[in-house]
């Protein structure tokens, strides 16, 4: 049971990390251009 929870937590953490990284890469150019210009 503990191994299952640990595996589930690692999968959720990896999903959230990829999700946040994708959105940062997606929205960073817009924010950067808005700040610079």
N, C-alpha and C. Protein backbone atom coordinates (compact mmCIF):
# COMPACT_ATOMS: atom_id res chain seq x y z
N UNK A 1 0.83 -1.21 0.00
CA UNK A 1 0.00 0.00 0.00
C UNK A 1 0.86 1.26 0.00
N UNK A 2 1.91 1.24 0.81
CA UNK A 2 2.79 2.41 0.86
C UNK A 2 3.51 2.62 -0.47
N UNK A 3 3.93 1.49 -1.09
CA UNK A 3 4.59 1.62 -2.39
C UNK A 3 3.63 2.18 -3.44
N UNK A 4 2.36 1.78 -3.35
CA UNK A 4 1.37 2.29 -4.30
C UNK A 4 1.18 3.79 -4.13
N UNK A 5 1.10 4.25 -2.87
CA UNK A 5 0.94 5.69 -2.63
C UNK A 5 2.16 6.46 -3.09
N UNK A 6 3.34 5.89 -2.87
CA UNK A 6 4.57 6.57 -3.27
C UNK A 6 4.66 6.67 -4.79
N UNK A 7 4.28 5.59 -5.47
CA UNK A 7 4.29 5.60 -6.93
C UNK A 7 3.26 6.59 -7.47
N UNK A 8 2.07 6.61 -6.86
CA UNK A 8 1.03 7.53 -7.29
C UNK A 8 1.48 8.98 -7.08
N UNK A 9 2.12 9.26 -5.94
CA UNK A 9 2.59 10.61 -5.66
C UNK A 9 3.67 11.04 -6.65
N UNK A 10 4.56 10.10 -6.99
CA UNK A 10 5.63 10.44 -7.94
C UNK A 10 5.05 10.71 -9.33
N UNK A 11 4.02 9.94 -9.71
CA UNK A 11 3.39 10.18 -11.01
C UNK A 11 2.68 11.53 -11.04
N UNK A 12 1.99 11.87 -9.96
CA UNK A 12 1.29 13.16 -9.89
C UNK A 12 2.30 14.31 -9.88
N UNK A 13 3.40 14.13 -9.16
CA UNK A 13 4.43 15.17 -9.10
C UNK A 13 5.06 15.38 -10.48
N UNK A 14 5.32 14.29 -11.19
CA UNK A 14 5.90 14.41 -12.53
C UNK A 14 4.92 15.09 -13.49
N UNK A 15 3.63 14.75 -13.36
CA UNK A 15 2.61 15.37 -14.21
C UNK A 15 2.51 16.87 -13.94
N UNK A 16 2.51 17.24 -12.66
CA UNK A 16 2.42 18.66 -12.32
C UNK A 16 3.67 19.41 -12.78
N UNK A 17 4.82 18.80 -12.66
CA UNK A 17 6.06 19.45 -13.08
C UNK A 17 6.05 19.69 -14.59
N UNK A 18 5.63 18.69 -15.36
CA UNK A 18 5.58 18.86 -16.81
C UNK A 18 4.51 19.89 -17.20
N UNK A 19 3.38 19.89 -16.46
CA UNK A 19 2.30 20.84 -16.74
C UNK A 19 2.76 22.28 -16.50
N UNK A 20 3.41 22.50 -15.35
CA UNK A 20 3.89 23.84 -15.01
C UNK A 20 4.99 24.28 -15.97
N UNK A 21 5.89 23.37 -16.33
CA UNK A 21 6.96 23.72 -17.26
C UNK A 21 6.40 24.09 -18.62
N UNK A 22 5.39 23.33 -19.07
CA UNK A 22 4.76 23.62 -20.36
C UNK A 22 4.11 25.00 -20.36
N UNK A 23 3.40 25.34 -19.28
CA UNK A 23 2.74 26.63 -19.24
C UNK A 23 3.73 27.78 -19.10
N UNK A 24 4.82 27.55 -18.36
CA UNK A 24 5.85 28.59 -18.27
C UNK A 24 6.48 28.84 -19.63
N UNK A 25 6.78 27.76 -20.37
CA UNK A 25 7.35 27.93 -21.71
C UNK A 25 6.34 28.56 -22.66
N UNK A 26 5.05 28.30 -22.42
CA UNK A 26 4.02 28.83 -23.29
C UNK A 26 3.78 30.32 -23.04
N UNK A 27 3.74 30.72 -21.76
CA UNK A 27 3.37 32.10 -21.43
C UNK A 27 4.56 33.03 -21.21
N UNK A 28 5.78 32.48 -21.09
CA UNK A 28 6.93 33.35 -20.83
C UNK A 28 7.20 34.35 -21.95
N UNK A 29 7.13 33.95 -23.25
CA UNK A 29 7.36 34.95 -24.31
C UNK A 29 6.36 36.10 -24.27
N UNK A 30 5.10 35.81 -23.96
CA UNK A 30 4.10 36.88 -23.88
C UNK A 30 4.41 37.83 -22.74
N UNK A 31 4.75 37.26 -21.56
CA UNK A 31 5.07 38.11 -20.41
C UNK A 31 6.35 38.90 -20.67
N UNK A 32 7.33 38.27 -21.29
CA UNK A 32 8.60 38.96 -21.55
C UNK A 32 8.41 40.11 -22.53
N UNK A 33 7.64 39.85 -23.59
CA UNK A 33 7.39 40.91 -24.57
C UNK A 33 6.54 42.02 -23.96
N UNK A 34 5.62 41.66 -23.05
CA UNK A 34 4.80 42.68 -22.42
C UNK A 34 5.64 43.55 -21.48
N UNK A 35 6.59 42.95 -20.80
CA UNK A 35 7.45 43.71 -19.89
C UNK A 35 8.43 44.58 -20.66
N UNK A 36 9.02 44.03 -21.73
CA UNK A 36 10.04 44.77 -22.47
C UNK A 36 9.41 45.91 -23.26
N UNK A 37 8.33 45.61 -23.97
CA UNK A 37 7.74 46.64 -24.82
C UNK A 37 6.64 47.38 -24.08
